Every structure is written in structure tokens, then in C-alpha cells.
Protein backbone atom coordinates (compact mmCIF):
# COMPACT_ATOMS: atom_id res chain seq x y z
CA UNK A 1 2.58 -19.83 31.70
CA UNK A 2 6.08 -18.90 32.20
CA UNK A 3 8.12 -15.54 31.42
CA UNK A 4 11.03 -14.78 29.78
CA UNK A 5 12.95 -14.62 32.72
CA UNK A 6 11.98 -18.40 33.61
CA UNK A 7 13.87 -19.52 30.59
CA UNK A 8 17.57 -19.95 30.95
CA UNK A 9 18.49 -17.96 28.82
CA UNK A 10 22.45 -17.05 28.31
CA UNK A 11 22.93 -14.43 31.19
CA UNK A 12 24.58 -11.34 28.86
CA UNK A 13 21.05 -11.58 27.08
CA UNK A 14 18.87 -11.15 30.41
CA UNK A 15 17.41 -7.45 30.44
CA UNK A 16 17.67 -6.94 26.29
CA UNK A 17 15.07 -5.66 23.62
CA UNK A 18 14.64 -7.19 20.61
CA UNK A 19 14.06 -4.72 17.35
CA UNK A 20 11.01 -3.16 16.91
CA UNK A 21 9.18 -0.03 14.96
CA UNK A 22 5.70 0.17 16.27
CA UNK A 23 3.60 -2.04 13.61
CA UNK A 24 0.04 0.03 13.77
CA UNK A 25 -2.72 0.23 11.01
CA UNK A 26 -2.58 3.99 9.73
CA UNK A 27 -2.94 5.89 6.64
CA UNK A 28 0.34 7.53 6.41
CA UNK A 29 3.19 4.72 7.37
CA UNK A 30 6.98 7.41 7.62
CA UNK A 31 8.37 5.42 10.32
CA UNK A 32 10.49 3.11 9.33
CA UNK A 33 12.18 4.55 5.60
CA UNK A 34 10.60 2.16 3.37
CA UNK A 35 10.34 3.00 0.39
CA UNK A 36 6.38 3.98 -0.29
CA UNK A 37 6.51 3.92 -3.86
CA UNK A 38 4.86 0.68 -5.80
CA UNK A 39 6.95 -1.34 -7.87
CA UNK A 40 6.35 -0.72 -11.22
CA UNK A 41 4.02 -2.81 -13.55
CA UNK A 42 5.91 -3.90 -16.02
CA UNK A 43 8.60 -4.57 -13.43
CA UNK A 44 6.33 -6.77 -11.09
CA UNK A 45 4.69 -8.78 -14.16
CA UNK A 46 8.38 -10.19 -14.52
CA UNK A 47 8.95 -10.79 -10.88
CA UNK A 48 5.83 -12.63 -11.26
CA UNK A 49 6.80 -14.91 -14.04
CA UNK A 50 10.03 -15.41 -12.49
CA UNK A 51 8.59 -16.43 -9.16
CA UNK A 52 6.67 -19.06 -11.47
CA UNK A 53 9.27 -20.39 -13.02
CA UNK A 54 10.93 -20.71 -9.97
CA UNK A 55 7.98 -22.56 -7.43
CA UNK A 56 8.19 -25.71 -10.55
CA UNK A 57 11.67 -26.15 -9.04
CA UNK A 58 11.09 -25.73 -4.91
CA UNK A 59 10.59 -29.60 -4.47
CA UNK A 60 14.72 -29.33 -5.05
CA UNK A 61 16.86 -27.23 -2.86
CA UNK A 62 17.55 -23.49 -4.35
CA UNK A 63 21.49 -22.77 -6.04
CA UNK A 64 23.11 -22.68 -2.72
CA UNK A 65 25.59 -20.00 -4.10
CA UNK A 66 22.85 -17.80 -5.88
CA UNK A 67 25.18 -17.20 -8.61
CA UNK A 68 22.95 -15.36 -10.98
CA UNK A 69 21.63 -13.19 -8.07
CA UNK A 70 25.35 -12.57 -7.48
CA UNK A 71 26.59 -11.83 -11.22
CA UNK A 72 23.53 -8.99 -10.81
CA UNK A 73 24.62 -7.71 -8.26
CA UNK A 74 27.79 -7.18 -9.59
CA UNK A 75 26.94 -5.57 -12.77
CA UNK A 76 24.58 -2.98 -10.81
CA UNK A 77 27.13 -1.86 -8.48
CA UNK A 78 30.02 -1.62 -11.31
CA UNK A 79 33.78 -1.10 -10.17
CA UNK A 80 34.76 -4.10 -12.03
CA UNK A 81 33.24 -6.29 -9.25
CA UNK A 82 32.78 -9.80 -10.23
CA UNK A 83 30.30 -12.44 -9.05
CA UNK A 84 33.08 -13.44 -6.89
CA UNK A 85 33.45 -10.50 -4.57
CA UNK A 86 29.44 -10.29 -3.73
CA UNK A 87 27.47 -12.11 -1.01
CA UNK A 88 24.00 -12.02 -0.22
CA UNK A 89 21.44 -12.89 2.69
CA UNK A 90 18.34 -12.39 3.91
CA UNK A 91 18.17 -8.75 4.51
CA UNK A 92 21.61 -6.60 5.27
CA UNK A 93 21.04 -7.50 9.01
CA UNK A 94 21.55 -10.85 8.29
CA UNK A 95 24.55 -10.04 6.56
CA UNK A 96 25.90 -8.25 9.30
CA UNK A 97 24.74 -11.11 11.65
CA UNK A 98 27.06 -13.35 9.37
CA UNK A 99 29.76 -10.58 9.32
CA UNK A 100 29.89 -10.70 13.17
CA UNK A 101 29.61 -14.70 13.89
CA UNK A 102 32.47 -14.77 11.69
CA UNK A 103 34.52 -11.92 12.64
CA UNK A 104 33.71 -10.89 15.91
CA UNK A 105 32.23 -13.40 18.72
CA UNK A 106 33.59 -13.85 22.58
CA UNK A 107 36.56 -12.66 23.23
CA UNK A 108 36.19 -10.10 20.18
CA UNK A 109 34.93 -6.35 20.17
CA UNK A 110 33.06 -4.33 17.44
CA UNK A 111 33.01 -0.43 17.81
CA UNK A 112 30.18 2.10 16.71
CA UNK A 113 29.55 5.55 17.17
CA UNK A 114 25.75 6.10 18.32
CA UNK A 115 23.23 7.57 17.63
CA UNK A 116 23.42 5.21 14.59
CA UNK A 117 21.72 2.01 13.49
CA UNK A 118 20.02 0.55 16.70
CA UNK A 119 20.18 -3.38 15.20
CA UNK A 120 24.52 -2.95 15.22
CA UNK A 121 24.28 -3.55 19.45
CA UNK A 122 21.41 -6.29 19.08
CA UNK A 123 23.46 -8.51 16.32
CA UNK A 124 26.72 -8.13 18.71
CA UNK A 125 24.35 -8.88 21.52
CA UNK A 126 23.58 -12.05 20.02
CA UNK A 127 27.09 -13.45 18.66
CA UNK A 128 28.53 -12.99 21.89
CA UNK A 129 30.66 -9.51 20.68
CA UNK A 130 31.04 -7.13 22.98
CA UNK A 131 29.97 -3.64 22.12
CA UNK A 132 32.25 -0.37 22.30
CA UNK A 133 30.75 3.02 22.03
CA UNK A 134 32.56 6.28 20.61
CA UNK A 135 31.31 9.43 20.39
CA UNK A 136 30.51 11.43 17.06
CA UNK A 137 31.56 14.90 16.15
CA UNK A 138 29.10 17.84 16.13
CA UNK A 139 26.04 17.65 14.25
CA UNK A 140 26.78 13.24 14.15
CA UNK A 141 29.94 13.85 11.75
CA UNK A 142 32.66 11.36 12.39
CA UNK A 143 35.77 13.51 10.80
CA UNK A 144 38.83 11.23 9.96
CA UNK A 145 40.73 12.24 13.49
CA UNK A 146 37.45 11.27 16.15
CA UNK A 147 37.66 7.62 14.01
CA UNK A 148 41.37 7.45 14.09
CA UNK A 149 41.56 8.46 18.05
CA UNK A 150 38.64 5.84 18.57
CA UNK A 151 40.10 2.78 16.91
CA UNK A 152 43.87 3.72 18.39
CA UNK A 153 42.27 4.07 22.02
CA UNK A 154 40.05 1.04 21.36
CA UNK A 155 41.67 -1.37 19.36
CA UNK A 156 38.71 -3.09 18.10
CA UNK A 157 38.37 -6.45 15.86
CA UNK A 158 35.73 -4.70 13.95
CA UNK A 159 34.05 -1.18 13.18
CA UNK A 160 31.30 -0.29 11.83
CA UNK A 161 30.33 2.60 10.55
CA UNK A 162 26.70 3.76 9.02
CA UNK A 163 27.38 5.94 5.91
CA UNK A 164 24.88 8.06 5.54
CA UNK A 165 23.94 7.69 9.26
CA UNK A 166 20.67 6.23 10.47
CA UNK A 167 18.72 7.80 12.04
CA UNK A 168 20.54 11.43 11.49
CA UNK A 169 21.26 11.32 7.40
CA UNK A 170 24.49 12.36 8.02
CA UNK A 171 26.95 11.95 5.41
CA UNK A 172 30.17 10.25 5.95
CA UNK A 173 33.49 11.32 4.18
CA UNK A 174 35.44 8.78 1.92
CA UNK A 175 38.45 10.26 4.16
CA UNK A 176 37.36 8.77 7.03
CA UNK A 177 36.70 5.55 6.03
CA UNK A 178 40.38 5.65 4.70
CA UNK A 179 41.34 6.80 8.09
CA UNK A 180 39.76 4.00 9.91
CA UNK A 181 41.23 1.10 7.48
CA UNK A 182 44.53 2.54 8.21
CA UNK A 183 43.91 2.96 11.84
CA UNK A 184 42.90 -0.71 11.93
CA UNK A 185 45.44 -2.68 11.31
CA UNK A 186 44.23 -6.09 11.33
CA UNK A 187 40.35 -6.10 12.02
CA UNK A 188 37.51 -5.12 9.62
CA UNK A 189 35.91 -2.45 8.87
CA UNK A 190 32.27 -2.22 7.49
CA UNK A 191 30.71 0.62 5.98
CA UNK A 192 26.57 0.23 6.18
CA UNK A 193 25.75 1.92 2.91
CA UNK A 194 21.93 1.00 3.70
CA UNK A 195 20.60 4.22 2.06
CA UNK A 196 23.45 4.45 -0.77
CA UNK A 197 21.61 5.44 -3.61
CA UNK A 198 19.81 8.71 -2.10
CA UNK A 199 23.03 10.01 -1.73
CA UNK A 200 24.02 13.31 -3.92
CA UNK A 201 25.14 11.56 -7.24
CA UNK A 202 28.73 13.64 -7.05
CA UNK A 203 29.45 11.55 -3.52
CA UNK A 204 31.61 8.37 -4.54
CA UNK A 205 30.99 5.01 -2.89
CA UNK A 206 32.59 3.01 -0.30
CA UNK A 207 32.84 0.43 -3.03
CA UNK A 208 35.54 2.43 -5.05
CA UNK A 209 37.20 2.16 -2.03
CA UNK A 210 37.92 -1.52 -2.34
CA UNK A 211 40.85 -2.20 -4.77
CA UNK A 212 43.65 -2.70 -2.47
CA UNK A 213 41.69 -3.25 1.17
CA UNK A 214 41.01 -6.68 1.79
CA UNK A 215 39.25 -6.26 5.14
CA UNK A 216 36.89 -3.67 4.05
CA UNK A 217 33.48 -4.67 3.64
CA UNK A 218 30.73 -2.77 2.14
CA UNK A 219 26.83 -4.04 2.60
CA UNK A 220 24.21 -2.63 0.91
CA UNK A 221 20.50 -3.65 0.58
CA UNK A 222 17.37 -3.64 -1.82
CA UNK A 223 14.92 -2.87 0.61
CA UNK A 224 15.18 0.91 0.49
CA UNK A 225 16.19 2.39 -2.95
CA UNK A 226 14.51 -1.02 -4.74
CA UNK A 227 11.26 -0.88 -2.84
CA UNK A 228 12.18 -4.38 -1.54
CA UNK A 229 11.39 -4.40 1.91
CA UNK A 230 9.07 -7.29 2.19
CA UNK A 231 11.08 -9.21 0.21
CA UNK A 232 14.31 -9.52 2.97
CA UNK A 233 17.76 -8.68 0.30
CA UNK A 234 20.39 -7.68 1.64
CA UNK A 235 23.94 -7.94 0.22
CA UNK A 236 28.23 -7.24 0.58
CA UNK A 237 30.85 -5.94 -1.98
CA UNK A 238 34.07 -6.84 -0.52
CA UNK A 239 37.64 -9.21 -1.38
CA UNK A 240 36.33 -13.18 -2.58
CA UNK A 241 38.01 -14.46 0.94
CA UNK A 242 35.56 -12.34 2.76
CA UNK A 243 32.91 -14.56 1.25
CA UNK A 244 34.67 -17.73 2.05
CA UNK A 245 34.66 -16.76 5.47
CA UNK A 246 30.69 -16.06 5.35
CA UNK A 247 30.06 -19.85 4.19
CA UNK A 248 31.23 -20.74 7.60
CA UNK A 249 28.37 -19.18 9.12
CA UNK A 250 25.59 -19.38 6.95
CA UNK A 251 22.73 -21.57 7.03
CA UNK A 252 22.28 -23.87 4.44
CA UNK A 253 20.71 -22.89 1.35
CA UNK A 254 19.83 -19.75 3.35
CA UNK A 255 18.46 -17.76 0.17
CA UNK A 256 15.39 -19.03 -1.15
CA UNK A 257 14.88 -19.76 -4.61
CA UNK A 258 11.98 -17.79 -4.54
CA UNK A 259 14.43 -14.87 -3.03
CA UNK A 260 16.66 -15.31 -5.70
CA UNK A 261 14.57 -15.12 -8.65
CA UNK A 262 12.70 -12.19 -7.41
CA UNK A 263 15.61 -10.38 -6.66
CA UNK A 264 17.60 -11.39 -9.67
CA UNK A 265 14.33 -9.74 -11.99
CA UNK A 266 14.69 -6.61 -9.90
CA UNK A 267 17.83 -6.11 -10.53
CA UNK A 268 17.06 -6.57 -14.32
CA UNK A 269 15.04 -3.16 -13.98
CA UNK A 270 17.37 -1.32 -12.16
CA UNK A 271 16.85 1.93 -14.07
CA UNK A 272 13.16 1.46 -13.41
CA UNK A 273 13.23 0.60 -10.05
CA UNK A 274 15.97 3.47 -9.20
CA UNK A 275 13.47 6.02 -11.21
CA UNK A 276 11.72 6.69 -8.10
CA UNK A 277 14.81 7.65 -6.17
CA UNK A 278 14.73 11.36 -7.44
CA UNK A 279 10.98 11.48 -6.59
CA UNK A 280 12.22 10.43 -2.58
CA UNK A 281 14.92 13.08 -2.88
CA UNK A 282 12.71 15.49 -3.88
CA UNK A 283 10.41 15.05 -1.20
CA UNK A 284 13.28 15.09 1.42
CA UNK A 285 14.64 18.09 0.08
CA UNK A 286 10.84 19.28 0.52
CA UNK A 287 10.86 17.72 4.28
CA UNK A 288 13.87 20.03 4.83
CA UNK A 289 12.70 23.19 3.30
CA UNK A 290 9.22 23.42 5.16
CA UNK A 291 10.01 21.89 8.40
CA UNK A 292 11.75 25.86 9.40
CA UNK A 293 8.25 27.39 8.74
CA UNK A 294 7.02 25.08 11.56
CA UNK A 295 9.11 25.75 14.06
CA UNK A 296 11.44 23.17 13.84
CA UNK A 297 15.39 22.19 13.08
CA UNK A 298 15.73 19.50 10.21
CA UNK A 299 19.32 18.37 10.30
CA UNK A 300 20.63 17.71 6.46
CA UNK A 301 20.05 14.29 5.06
CA UNK A 302 21.26 12.24 2.24
CA UNK A 303 19.20 9.58 3.01
CA UNK A 304 15.12 8.92 2.29
CA UNK A 305 14.72 10.07 5.76
CA UNK A 306 14.96 13.43 7.71
CA UNK A 307 16.00 13.73 11.46
CA UNK A 308 14.34 17.07 13.41
CA UNK A 309 15.07 18.97 15.99
CA UNK A 310 12.95 21.34 17.74
CA UNK A 311 10.42 18.88 19.67
CA UNK A 312 9.31 20.02 22.49
CA UNK A 313 7.87 16.48 23.90
CA UNK A 314 8.50 13.65 21.07
CA UNK A 315 6.37 11.46 22.47
CA UNK A 316 3.01 14.15 22.65
CA UNK A 317 4.02 14.79 19.02
CA UNK A 318 4.21 11.39 17.95
CA UNK A 319 1.17 10.53 19.50
CA UNK A 320 -0.53 13.73 18.11
CA UNK A 321 0.42 12.83 14.52
CA UNK A 322 -0.75 9.06 14.74
CA UNK A 323 -4.31 10.60 15.68
CA UNK A 324 -3.84 12.24 12.38
CA UNK A 325 -3.33 8.67 11.10
CA UNK A 326 0.43 9.54 10.69
CA UNK A 327 2.98 7.52 12.18
CA UNK A 328 6.45 8.64 12.10
CA UNK A 329 9.36 7.21 14.43
CA UNK A 330 10.95 8.28 17.82
CA UNK A 331 14.28 7.39 17.67
CA UNK A 332 15.26 8.38 21.49
CA UNK A 333 17.33 11.29 20.96
CA UNK A 334 16.49 14.21 22.71
CA UNK A 335 13.85 16.77 21.55
CA UNK A 336 13.89 15.07 17.92
CA UNK A 337 11.73 12.84 15.52
CA UNK A 338 12.27 11.34 12.49
CA UNK A 339 10.34 11.04 9.41
CA UNK A 340 10.43 8.86 6.01
CA UNK A 341 10.42 11.02 2.55
CA UNK A 342 6.90 9.17 1.64
CA UNK A 343 5.19 9.97 -2.24
CA UNK A 344 4.30 13.77 -2.90
CA UNK A 345 0.65 12.70 -1.35
CA UNK A 346 1.87 11.26 2.32
CA UNK A 347 4.41 14.27 2.45
CA UNK A 348 1.97 16.98 2.18
CA UNK A 349 -0.36 14.96 4.74
CA UNK A 350 2.28 14.86 7.19
CA UNK A 351 3.56 18.27 6.84
CA UNK A 352 -0.15 19.27 7.26
CA UNK A 353 -0.85 17.13 10.13
CA UNK A 354 2.47 18.24 12.27
CA UNK A 355 1.80 21.86 11.21
CA UNK A 356 -1.66 21.67 13.05
CA UNK A 357 0.12 20.73 15.95
CA UNK A 358 2.85 22.58 16.21
CA UNK A 359 5.64 23.08 17.74
């Protein structure tokens, strides 16, 4: 047998590591920000019926333009969007990959603000796009002045802003997005809103900023709020010309008939699917409220997870929780760990286990 080092892979990929959170069979899995609530039975039944109908047609290629799904996504987002403004792929990671394929590549650059979603540099490496890293403000924020200075200094072709940010949960002001777009001149601004449904209701989505901003792209996912992580559906709202650009790099018939059917069925039940969001928010707030009494320092979060500091030895705490059949995430920030807000029972078990370990 040979090793990876023996293969003639691209030189710029040597020494790189693939994305991968630990996969372990535990009672309480709170490490990858999944929606731990089950899909409602009536919604599941409609999805099964839709899948059954789609299976009868799998001898044919699916709708290449996934028309029904795009219409459903446009209705869900509102803001006057039509299906022409929507794009979808197999998870928001594929959406981001297609963006980098179309607008990045050799000789081009993407600006990110670590700590942020760890897939951004991996996707950039895969497309030959140079990664530029800029610093955040205190408490992981990004002010309009900070983003403007970074863009004017680095002159990137693409900027990716995670709103709210993963892994910190930090909200991103609309003013920062507006400042980034104004400073970028001719480049592409991507706002990754994977956790948008968990933000407070009074905070507007970047989707509201799309009119008049043809180079603003807002990425979303059904993995989180819609409990659709295993179905792999991500999508994008942008000017219709952006969808034309992504058609140049997408694989033929990239969304299967089964994926389209399941996602369209889920969107028909959006209120029921989103009903669980309030409970998840409550458990997230509960974690933030109870961690200080255990000796930890939680950061504010507009997501379904909490980053908390005050962890003397993150690896030891992670392993100790595993001994209690609980898995959370070490995201590489010194003296910090991240935990997903689960069901009430899962959250209780996590807090009890953490309390028994001690800071």
C-alpha cells in the first residue's frame, strides 16, 4: 500500500487536512450544531409520500433547474424574491464551493476573519483560491471600520462573512455588511447565514440588503433550523446573474430528484419545522445562564450553540465529558469549548456532566 504522500496530488494540497469533526457513538451528541429535535410526524409522512412519488421517476434525470424547490425557497425567504434569485446545492458547503469555483480560483483571493467556519479555507484550497486572514475586534466582533480597513488593505476578490459567526455565535451588524460591500468595489461579498433562523426576531437578515447590491450573495442551509442535516440541502439568494454564473461550474443534474422532493415537502411545512427553533433558543439561553455557576464564561450567541471560555484544559474536559457519554466540540480556541443546544433532556445531561467535572 502507498500513502497520500506517495500520490501526485497538487503541491498546494500537500500537508493539508480534510474537514472532520469527531464521530463517536454517544448518548448525547452536541458537537456539530445539528438540530437534535426530530422532524414532526405529519411532516415526515408528507416527505415520505413525496419521496415515494419521486422514486417512480428515478429512471429519468431530475429537473436540472430544480424549479419547484427554488420557488419554495423564494416563498420561504420573502423579500420579493422569485425563483430566479435562488440557487440550491447539496448543502451550503457545495454552494460555497461553487461560488469559489466561479469567482475565485488561481490568481484570486478570499478574505476571511478567523476564528470562523473551518470549511472556508478548505474550500478555498480545493479551488486554488488564496486565503487572506484578517483579525476580528474584541469579543470576536467585526465593526464596519474593521471590515473596511481589511478590504482596502488586502483588496480581495471575495469576502466571506459568517452571520452569526461559527464557532463563536457572534452577531454581525448590518452596518458591517453594508460597509464591506461599499469597500469591495468590484468583488463578491458572501454572507453565510447558516444559523439565521436562531437569531432574535428583530434582527434583519442580509437578504433585506440584496436590492441594489448585485454582488452580495446570501448563503443559507436547511441543515440547522429545518433539522435537515442528513438530507444535505443548502441554498443561496442573490441577483439572478449569480445563478447564471454558478450554472457554469455546477455538475449536471447536481440535485437528485429525491433531494428536491424531500426539501420541497419540508418547505411546505415551514411553520411546523421552525416551531422547534423557540425551544432550541430556550435551551441555548439556559446554557448561557447556567454555565457561570459552573465556573465557565459563555459568550453571547445568536445561534443554536454556545462558545464558552474558562476551560483550563479543553482536551481533558472534552475527554471527561466523553466518559459521561456526552460529546461537544474543541474548536481550537485556547481555553474554550463549544456546545450545541440540544433538547431539554440533552442539555440537562450536558450541564450535569460538566458540573461533575469542574472547571
